[in-house]
Amino acid sequence: MEVAVLSAEAMKALAMGIAAGFGVLGPGVGLGILISKALEAIGRNPEAAGKVQATMFIGIAFVEALAIFALVVAFIIKFA
């Protein structure tokens, strides 16, 4: 009986790791692309740096929200 409980806990830990890992992988790549393109735009048109930075920070907030949601799901898996 104890082996089945340990196996269920192991599956929970595995599911938590997969949810957190893959859930943060996409936003990480997205942040890299977003910041890269924003810096490229500022390099091409330095006068528009203020507008580009404001838009970039809004985009960063939305992308980071996805990563936070993935971590919340991982913790729900752990404690449910």
PDB file of N, CA and C in Angstrom:
ATOM      1  N   MET A   1       0.833  -1.195   0.000  1.00  0.00           N
ATOM      2  CA  MET A   1       0.000   0.000   0.000  1.00  0.00           C
ATOM      3  C   MET A   1       0.874   1.255   0.000  1.00  0.00           C
ATOM      4  N   GLU A   2       1.975   1.206   0.724  1.00  0.00           N
ATOM      5  CA  GLU A   2       2.861   2.367   0.809  1.00  0.00           C
ATOM      6  C   GLU A   2       3.529   2.660  -0.533  1.00  0.00           C
ATOM      7  N   VAL A   3       3.795   1.633  -1.306  1.00  0.00           N
ATOM      8  CA  VAL A   3       4.428   1.811  -2.613  1.00  0.00           C
ATOM      9  C   VAL A   3       3.505   2.593  -3.536  1.00  0.00           C
ATOM     10  N   ALA A   4       2.213   2.341  -3.487  1.00  0.00           N
ATOM     11  CA  ALA A   4       1.255   3.055  -4.336  1.00  0.00           C
ATOM     12  C   ALA A   4       1.193   4.532  -3.969  1.00  0.00           C
ATOM     13  N   VAL A   5       1.300   4.853  -2.693  1.00  0.00           N
ATOM     14  CA  VAL A   5       1.284   6.248  -2.261  1.00  0.00           C
ATOM     15  C   VAL A   5       2.538   6.962  -2.747  1.00  0.00           C
ATOM     16  N   LEU A   6       3.675   6.325  -2.645  1.00  0.00           N
ATOM     17  CA  LEU A   6       4.911   6.927  -3.130  1.00  0.00           C
ATOM     18  C   LEU A   6       4.863   7.116  -4.639  1.00  0.00           C
ATOM     19  N   SER A   7       4.270   6.182  -5.333  1.00  0.00           N
ATOM     20  CA  SER A   7       4.173   6.290  -6.778  1.00  0.00           C
ATOM     21  C   SER A   7       3.277   7.466  -7.174  1.00  0.00           C
ATOM     22  N   ALA A   8       2.194   7.670  -6.454  1.00  0.00           N
ATOM     23  CA  ALA A   8       1.308   8.799  -6.741  1.00  0.00           C
ATOM     24  C   ALA A   8       2.019  10.121  -6.468  1.00  0.00           C
ATOM     25  N   GLU A   9       2.785  10.174  -5.396  1.00  0.00           N
ATOM     26  CA  GLU A   9       3.546  11.389  -5.089  1.00  0.00           C
ATOM     27  C   GLU A   9       4.619  11.645  -6.144  1.00  0.00           C
ATOM     28  N   ALA A  10       5.229  10.575  -6.629  1.00  0.00           N
ATOM     29  CA  ALA A  10       6.240  10.727  -7.679  1.00  0.00           C
ATOM     30  C   ALA A  10       5.612  11.250  -8.960  1.00  0.00           C
ATOM     31  N   MET A  11       4.428  10.766  -9.282  1.00  0.00           N
ATOM     32  CA  MET A  11       3.732  11.250 -10.477  1.00  0.00           C
ATOM     33  C   MET A  11       3.345  12.716 -10.331  1.00  0.00           C
ATOM     34  N   LYS A  12       2.957  13.113  -9.133  1.00  0.00           N
ATOM     35  CA  LYS A  12       2.643  14.529  -8.891  1.00  0.00           C
ATOM     36  C   LYS A  12       3.875  15.404  -9.102  1.00  0.00           C
ATOM     37  N   ALA A  13       5.007  14.937  -8.581  1.00  0.00           N
ATOM     38  CA  ALA A  13       6.243  15.707  -8.739  1.00  0.00           C
ATOM     39  C   ALA A  13       6.651  15.786 -10.202  1.00  0.00           C
ATOM     40  N   LEU A  14       6.497  14.697 -10.928  1.00  0.00           N
ATOM     41  CA  LEU A  14       6.821  14.689 -12.353  1.00  0.00           C
ATOM     42  C   LEU A  14       5.901  15.629 -13.123  1.00  0.00           C
ATOM     43  N   ALA A  15       4.608  15.585 -12.829  1.00  0.00           N
ATOM     44  CA  ALA A  15       3.654  16.469 -13.502  1.00  0.00           C
ATOM     45  C   ALA A  15       3.936  17.929 -13.182  1.00  0.00           C
ATOM     46  N   MET A  16       4.315  18.202 -11.950  1.00  0.00           N
ATOM     47  CA  MET A  16       4.646  19.576 -11.569  1.00  0.00           C
ATOM     48  C   MET A  16       5.868  20.066 -12.335  1.00  0.00           C
ATOM     49  N   GLY A  17       6.875  19.231 -12.441  1.00  0.00           N
ATOM     50  CA  GLY A  17       8.075  19.612 -13.178  1.00  0.00           C
ATOM     51  C   GLY A  17       7.807  19.841 -14.650  1.00  0.00           C
ATOM     52  N   ILE A  18       7.002  18.990 -15.242  1.00  0.00           N
ATOM     53  CA  ILE A  18       6.676  19.156 -16.664  1.00  0.00           C
ATOM     54  C   ILE A  18       5.852  20.414 -16.880  1.00  0.00           C
ATOM     55  N   ALA A  19       4.863  20.651 -16.025  1.00  0.00           N
ATOM     56  CA  ALA A  19       4.021  21.841 -16.175  1.00  0.00           C
ATOM     57  C   ALA A  19       4.831  23.116 -16.010  1.00  0.00           C
ATOM     58  N   ALA A  20       5.703  23.143 -15.030  1.00  0.00           N
ATOM     59  CA  ALA A  20       6.518  24.343 -14.813  1.00  0.00           C
ATOM     60  C   ALA A  20       7.555  24.502 -15.918  1.00  0.00           C
ATOM     61  N   GLY A  21       8.186  23.416 -16.310  1.00  0.00           N
ATOM     62  CA  GLY A  21       9.240  23.486 -17.321  1.00  0.00           C
ATOM     63  C   GLY A  21       8.734  23.930 -18.677  1.00  0.00           C
ATOM     64  N   PHE A  22       7.719  23.246 -19.185  1.00  0.00           N
ATOM     65  CA  PHE A  22       7.188  23.615 -20.494  1.00  0.00           C
ATOM     66  C   PHE A  22       6.407  24.918 -20.440  1.00  0.00           C
ATOM     67  N   GLY A  23       5.798  25.203 -19.294  1.00  0.00           N
ATOM     68  CA  GLY A  23       5.041  26.444 -19.159  1.00  0.00           C
ATOM     69  C   GLY A  23       5.914  27.680 -19.135  1.00  0.00           C
ATOM     70  N   VAL A  24       7.154  27.549 -18.731  1.00  0.00           N
ATOM     71  CA  VAL A  24       8.072  28.684 -18.674  1.00  0.00           C
ATOM     72  C   VAL A  24       8.961  28.728 -19.923  1.00  0.00           C
ATOM     73  N   LEU A  25       9.057  27.626 -20.634  1.00  0.00           N
ATOM     74  CA  LEU A  25       9.887  27.572 -21.836  1.00  0.00           C
ATOM     75  C   LEU A  25       9.372  28.518 -22.919  1.00  0.00           C
ATOM     76  N   GLY A  26       8.084  28.497 -23.184  1.00  0.00           N
ATOM     77  CA  GLY A  26       7.504  29.366 -24.216  1.00  0.00           C
ATOM     78  C   GLY A  26       7.665  30.847 -23.910  1.00  0.00           C
ATOM     79  N   PRO A  27       7.271  31.283 -22.717  1.00  0.00           N
ATOM     80  CA  PRO A  27       7.478  32.695 -22.389  1.00  0.00           C
ATOM     81  C   PRO A  27       8.941  33.116 -22.396  1.00  0.00           C
ATOM     82  N   GLY A  28       9.845  32.222 -22.053  1.00  0.00           N
ATOM     83  CA  GLY A  28      11.269  32.565 -22.099  1.00  0.00           C
ATOM     84  C   GLY A  28      11.730  32.856 -23.513  1.00  0.00           C
ATOM     85  N   VAL A  29      11.324  32.015 -24.442  1.00  0.00           N
ATOM     86  CA  VAL A  29      11.657  32.241 -25.850  1.00  0.00           C
ATOM     87  C   VAL A  29      10.961  33.502 -26.349  1.00  0.00           C
ATOM     88  N   GLY A  30       9.707  33.681 -25.950  1.00  0.00           N
ATOM     89  CA  GLY A  30       8.966  34.871 -26.365  1.00  0.00           C
ATOM     90  C   GLY A  30       9.599  36.161 -25.877  1.00  0.00           C
ATOM     91  N   LEU A  31      10.089  36.146 -24.646  1.00  0.00           N
ATOM     92  CA  LEU A  31      10.761  37.341 -24.119  1.00  0.00           C
ATOM     93  C   LEU A  31      12.027  37.651 -24.897  1.00  0.00           C
ATOM     94  N   GLY A  32      12.767  36.632 -25.240  1.00  0.00           N
ATOM     95  CA  GLY A  32      13.981  36.845 -26.017  1.00  0.00           C
ATOM     96  C   GLY A  32      13.686  37.468 -27.368  1.00  0.00           C
ATOM     97  N   ILE A  33      12.676  36.964 -28.042  1.00  0.00           N
ATOM     98  CA  ILE A  33      12.305  37.511 -29.350  1.00  0.00           C
ATOM     99  C   ILE A  33      11.774  38.928 -29.205  1.00  0.00           C
ATOM    100  N   LEU A  34      10.918  39.154 -28.215  1.00  0.00           N
ATOM    101  CA  LEU A  34      10.321  40.477 -28.015  1.00  0.00           C
ATOM    102  C   LEU A  34      11.386  41.537 -27.754  1.00  0.00           C
ATOM    103  N   ILE A  35      12.300  41.255 -26.865  1.00  0.00           N
ATOM    104  CA  ILE A  35      13.336  42.237 -26.531  1.00  0.00           C
ATOM    105  C   ILE A  35      14.293  42.428 -27.701  1.00  0.00           C
ATOM    106  N   SER A  36      14.593  41.349 -28.401  1.00  0.00           N
ATOM    107  CA  SER A  36      15.467  41.455 -29.568  1.00  0.00           C
ATOM    108  C   SER A  36      14.870  42.370 -30.628  1.00  0.00           C
ATOM    109  N   LYS A  37      13.596  42.186 -30.922  1.00  0.00           N
ATOM    110  CA  LYS A  37      12.952  43.006 -31.953  1.00  0.00           C
ATOM    111  C   LYS A  37      12.779  44.451 -31.491  1.00  0.00           C
ATOM    112  N   ALA A  38      12.544  44.652 -30.198  1.00  0.00           N
ATOM    113  CA  ALA A  38      12.426  46.024 -29.693  1.00  0.00           C
ATOM    114  C   ALA A  38      13.760  46.756 -29.814  1.00  0.00           C
ATOM    115  N   LEU A  39      14.844  46.088 -29.464  1.00  0.00           N
ATOM    116  CA  LEU A  39      16.159  46.720 -29.595  1.00  0.00           C
ATOM    117  C   LEU A  39      16.517  46.969 -31.059  1.00  0.00           C
ATOM    118  N   GLU A  40      16.103  46.068 -31.920  1.00  0.00           N
ATOM    119  CA  GLU A  40      16.327  46.264 -33.355  1.00  0.00           C
ATOM    120  C   GLU A  40      15.555  47.484 -33.859  1.00  0.00           C
ATOM    121  N   ALA A  41      14.315  47.642 -33.389  1.00  0.00           N
ATOM    122  CA  ALA A  41      13.510  48.795 -33.797  1.00  0.00           C
ATOM    123  C   ALA A  41      14.108  50.099 -33.277  1.00  0.00           C
ATOM    124  N   ILE A  42      14.608  50.096 -32.054  1.00  0.00           N
ATOM    125  CA  ILE A  42      15.238  51.300 -31.500  1.00  0.00           C
ATOM    126  C   ILE A  42      16.520  51.614 -32.263  1.00  0.00           C
ATOM    127  N   GLY A  43      17.244  50.591 -32.673  1.00  0.00           N
ATOM    128  CA  GLY A  43      18.461  50.809 -33.445  1.00  0.00           C
ATOM    129  C   GLY A  43      18.179  51.421 -34.808  1.00  0.00           C
ATOM    130  N   ARG A  44      17.058  51.036 -35.394  1.00  0.00           N
ATOM    131  CA  ARG A  44      16.709  51.578 -36.711  1.00  0.00           C
ATOM    132  C   ARG A  44      16.112  52.976 -36.625  1.00  0.00           C
ATOM    133  N   ASN A  45      15.375  53.232 -35.554  1.00  0.00           N
ATOM    134  CA  ASN A  45      14.703  54.526 -35.419  1.00  0.00           C
ATOM    135  C   ASN A  45      14.839  55.007 -33.971  1.00  0.00           C
ATOM    136  N   PRO A  46      15.955  55.631 -33.619  1.00  0.00           N
ATOM    137  CA  PRO A  46      16.186  56.039 -32.225  1.00  0.00           C
ATOM    138  C   PRO A  46      15.183  57.076 -31.707  1.00  0.00           C
ATOM    139  N   GLU A  47      14.563  57.832 -32.602  1.00  0.00           N
ATOM    140  CA  GLU A  47      13.593  58.840 -32.149  1.00  0.00           C
ATOM    141  C   GLU A  47      12.342  58.195 -31.553  1.00  0.00           C
ATOM    142  N   ALA A  48      12.044  56.981 -31.952  1.00  0.00           N
ATOM    143  CA  ALA A  48      10.845  56.301 -31.464  1.00  0.00           C
ATOM    144  C   ALA A  48      11.138  55.414 -30.254  1.00  0.00           C
ATOM    145  N   ALA A  49      12.264  55.635 -29.607  1.00  0.00           N
ATOM    146  CA  ALA A  49      12.666  54.762 -28.497  1.00  0.00           C
ATOM    147  C   ALA A  49      11.646  54.766 -27.362  1.00  0.00           C
ATOM    148  N   GLY A  50      11.076  55.920 -27.046  1.00  0.00           N
ATOM    149  CA  GLY A  50      10.110  55.995 -25.947  1.00  0.00           C
ATOM    150  C   GLY A  50       8.873  55.155 -26.208  1.00  0.00           C
ATOM    151  N   LYS A  51       8.329  55.258 -27.421  1.00  0.00           N
ATOM    152  CA  LYS A  51       7.132  54.484 -27.762  1.00  0.00           C
ATOM    153  C   LYS A  51       7.436  52.990 -27.825  1.00  0.00           C
ATOM    154  N   VAL A  52       8.590  52.662 -28.382  1.00  0.00           N
ATOM    155  CA  VAL A  52       8.957  51.247 -28.489  1.00  0.00           C
ATOM    156  C   VAL A  52       9.166  50.653 -27.099  1.00  0.00           C
ATOM    157  N   GLN A  53       9.814  51.386 -26.209  1.00  0.00           N
ATOM    158  CA  GLN A  53      10.046  50.874 -24.859  1.00  0.00           C
ATOM    159  C   GLN A  53       8.740  50.685 -24.105  1.00  0.00           C
ATOM    160  N   ALA A  54       7.818  51.630 -24.249  1.00  0.00           N
ATOM    161  CA  ALA A  54       6.532  51.496 -23.559  1.00  0.00           C
ATOM    162  C   ALA A  54       5.791  50.255 -24.050  1.00  0.00           C
ATOM    163  N   THR A  55       5.772  50.067 -25.359  1.00  0.00           N
ATOM    164  CA  THR A  55       5.110  48.892 -25.919  1.00  0.00           C
ATOM    165  C   THR A  55       5.824  47.612 -25.498  1.00  0.00           C
ATOM    166  N   MET A  56       7.146  47.656 -25.441  1.00  0.00           N
ATOM    167  CA  MET A  56       7.922  46.490 -25.041  1.00  0.00           C
ATOM    168  C   MET A  56       7.597  46.099 -23.597  1.00  0.00           C
ATOM    169  N   PHE A  57       7.509  47.073 -22.703  1.00  0.00           N
ATOM    170  CA  PHE A  57       7.225  46.751 -21.303  1.00  0.00           C
ATOM    171  C   PHE A  57       5.821  46.183 -21.132  1.00  0.00           C
ATOM    172  N   ILE A  58       4.861  46.663 -21.904  1.00  0.00           N
ATOM    173  CA  ILE A  58       3.513  46.085 -21.854  1.00  0.00           C
ATOM    174  C   ILE A  58       3.554  44.639 -22.340  1.00  0.00           C
ATOM    175  N   GLY A  59       4.290  44.399 -23.418  1.00  0.00           N
ATOM    176  CA  GLY A  59       4.436  43.034 -23.921  1.00  0.00           C
ATOM    177  C   GLY A  59       5.128  42.121 -22.931  1.00  0.00           C
ATOM    178  N   ILE A  60       6.141  42.634 -22.268  1.00  0.00           N
ATOM    179  CA  ILE A  60       6.848  41.843 -21.253  1.00  0.00           C
ATOM    180  C   ILE A  60       5.894  41.447 -20.127  1.00  0.00           C
ATOM    181  N   ALA A  61       5.031  42.368 -19.725  1.00  0.00           N
ATOM    182  CA  ALA A  61       4.076  42.063 -18.650  1.00  0.00           C
ATOM    183  C   ALA A  61       3.136  40.936 -19.059  1.00  0.00           C
ATOM    184  N   PHE A  62       2.647  40.969 -20.299  1.00  0.00           N
ATOM    185  CA  PHE A  62       1.743  39.912 -20.757  1.00  0.00           C
ATOM    186  C   PHE A  62       2.460  38.566 -20.864  1.00  0.00           C
ATOM    187  N   VAL A  63       3.680  38.566 -21.340  1.00  0.00           N
ATOM    188  CA  VAL A  63       4.429  37.317 -21.482  1.00  0.00           C
ATOM    189  C   VAL A  63       4.777  36.746 -20.108  1.00  0.00           C
ATOM    190  N   GLU A  64       5.164  37.600 -19.186  1.00  0.00           N
ATOM    191  CA  GLU A  64       5.480  37.129 -17.834  1.00  0.00           C
ATOM    192  C   GLU A  64       4.237  36.585 -17.136  1.00  0.00           C
ATOM    193  N   ALA A  65       3.068  37.128 -17.455  1.00  0.00           N
ATOM    194  CA  ALA A  65       1.832  36.616 -16.865  1.00  0.00           C
ATOM    195  C   ALA A  65       1.625  35.153 -17.252  1.00  0.00           C
ATOM    196  N   LEU A  66       1.961  34.795 -18.477  1.00  0.00           N
ATOM    197  CA  LEU A  66       1.832  33.398 -18.902  1.00  0.00           C
ATOM    198  C   LEU A  66       2.749  32.490 -18.087  1.00  0.00           C
ATOM    199  N   ALA A  67       3.952  32.940 -17.822  1.00  0.00           N
ATOM    200  CA  ALA A  67       4.881  32.145 -17.016  1.00  0.00           C
ATOM    201  C   ALA A  67       4.370  32.002 -15.583  1.00  0.00           C
ATOM    202  N   ILE A  68       3.815  33.059 -15.045  1.00  0.00           N
ATOM    203  CA  ILE A  68       3.274  33.001 -13.682  1.00  0.00           C
ATOM    204  C   ILE A  68       2.090  32.048 -13.621  1.00  0.00           C
ATOM    205  N   PHE A  69       1.228  32.062 -14.647  1.00  0.00           N
ATOM    206  CA  PHE A  69       0.101  31.127 -14.683  1.00  0.00           C
ATOM    207  C   PHE A  69       0.597  29.682 -14.720  1.00  0.00           C
ATOM    208  N   ALA A  70       1.656  29.424 -15.465  1.00  0.00           N
ATOM    209  CA  ALA A  70       2.212  28.069 -15.527  1.00  0.00           C
ATOM    210  C   ALA A  70       2.733  27.633 -14.160  1.00  0.00           C
ATOM    211  N   LEU A  71       3.382  28.535 -13.446  1.00  0.00           N
ATOM    212  CA  LEU A  71       3.879  28.190 -12.111  1.00  0.00           C
ATOM    213  C   LEU A  71       2.734  27.976 -11.126  1.00  0.00           C
ATOM    214  N   VAL A  72       1.663  28.743 -11.264  1.00  0.00           N
ATOM    215  CA  VAL A  72       0.490  28.547 -10.403  1.00  0.00           C
ATOM    216  C   VAL A  72      -0.116  27.171 -10.656  1.00  0.00           C
ATOM    217  N   VAL A  73      -0.230  26.781 -11.919  1.00  0.00           N
ATOM    218  CA  VAL A  73      -0.753  25.455 -12.247  1.00  0.00           C
ATOM    219  C   VAL A  73       0.149  24.370 -11.657  1.00  0.00           C
ATOM    220  N   ALA A  74       1.448  24.570 -11.718  1.00  0.00           N
ATOM    221  CA  ALA A  74       2.374  23.588 -11.148  1.00  0.00           C
ATOM    222  C   ALA A  74       2.172  23.455  -9.641  1.00  0.00           C
ATOM    223  N   PHE A  75       1.969  24.563  -8.953  1.00  0.00           N
ATOM    224  CA  PHE A  75       1.734  24.486  -7.508  1.00  0.00           C
ATOM    225  C   PHE A  75       0.370  23.892  -7.189  1.00  0.00           C
ATOM    226  N   ILE A  76      -0.615  24.124  -8.033  1.00  0.00           N
ATOM    227  CA  ILE A  76      -1.918  23.488  -7.828  1.00  0.00           C
ATOM    228  C   ILE A  76      -1.778  21.976  -7.962  1.00  0.00           C
ATOM    229  N   ILE A  77      -0.992  21.535  -8.937  1.00  0.00           N
ATOM    230  CA  ILE A  77      -0.752  20.097  -9.096  1.00  0.00           C
ATOM    231  C   ILE A  77      -0.066  19.540  -7.850  1.00  0.00           C
ATOM    232  N   LYS A  78       0.890  20.273  -7.313  1.00  0.00           N
ATOM    233  CA  LYS A  78       1.639  19.780  -6.148  1.00  0.00           C
ATOM    234  C   LYS A  78       0.755  19.652  -4.912  1.00  0.00           C
ATOM    235  N   PHE A  79      -0.073  20.650  -4.658  1.00  0.00           N
ATOM    236  CA  PHE A  79      -0.821  20.665  -3.403  1.00  0.00           C
ATOM    237  C   PHE A  79      -2.251  20.150  -3.529  1.00  0.00           C
ATOM    238  N   ALA A  80      -2.653  19.701  -4.691  1.00  0.00           N
ATOM    239  CA  ALA A  80      -4.026  19.189  -4.853  1.00  0.00           C
ATOM    240  C   ALA A  80      -4.084  17.708  -4.558  1.00  0.00           C
TER     241      ALA A  80
END
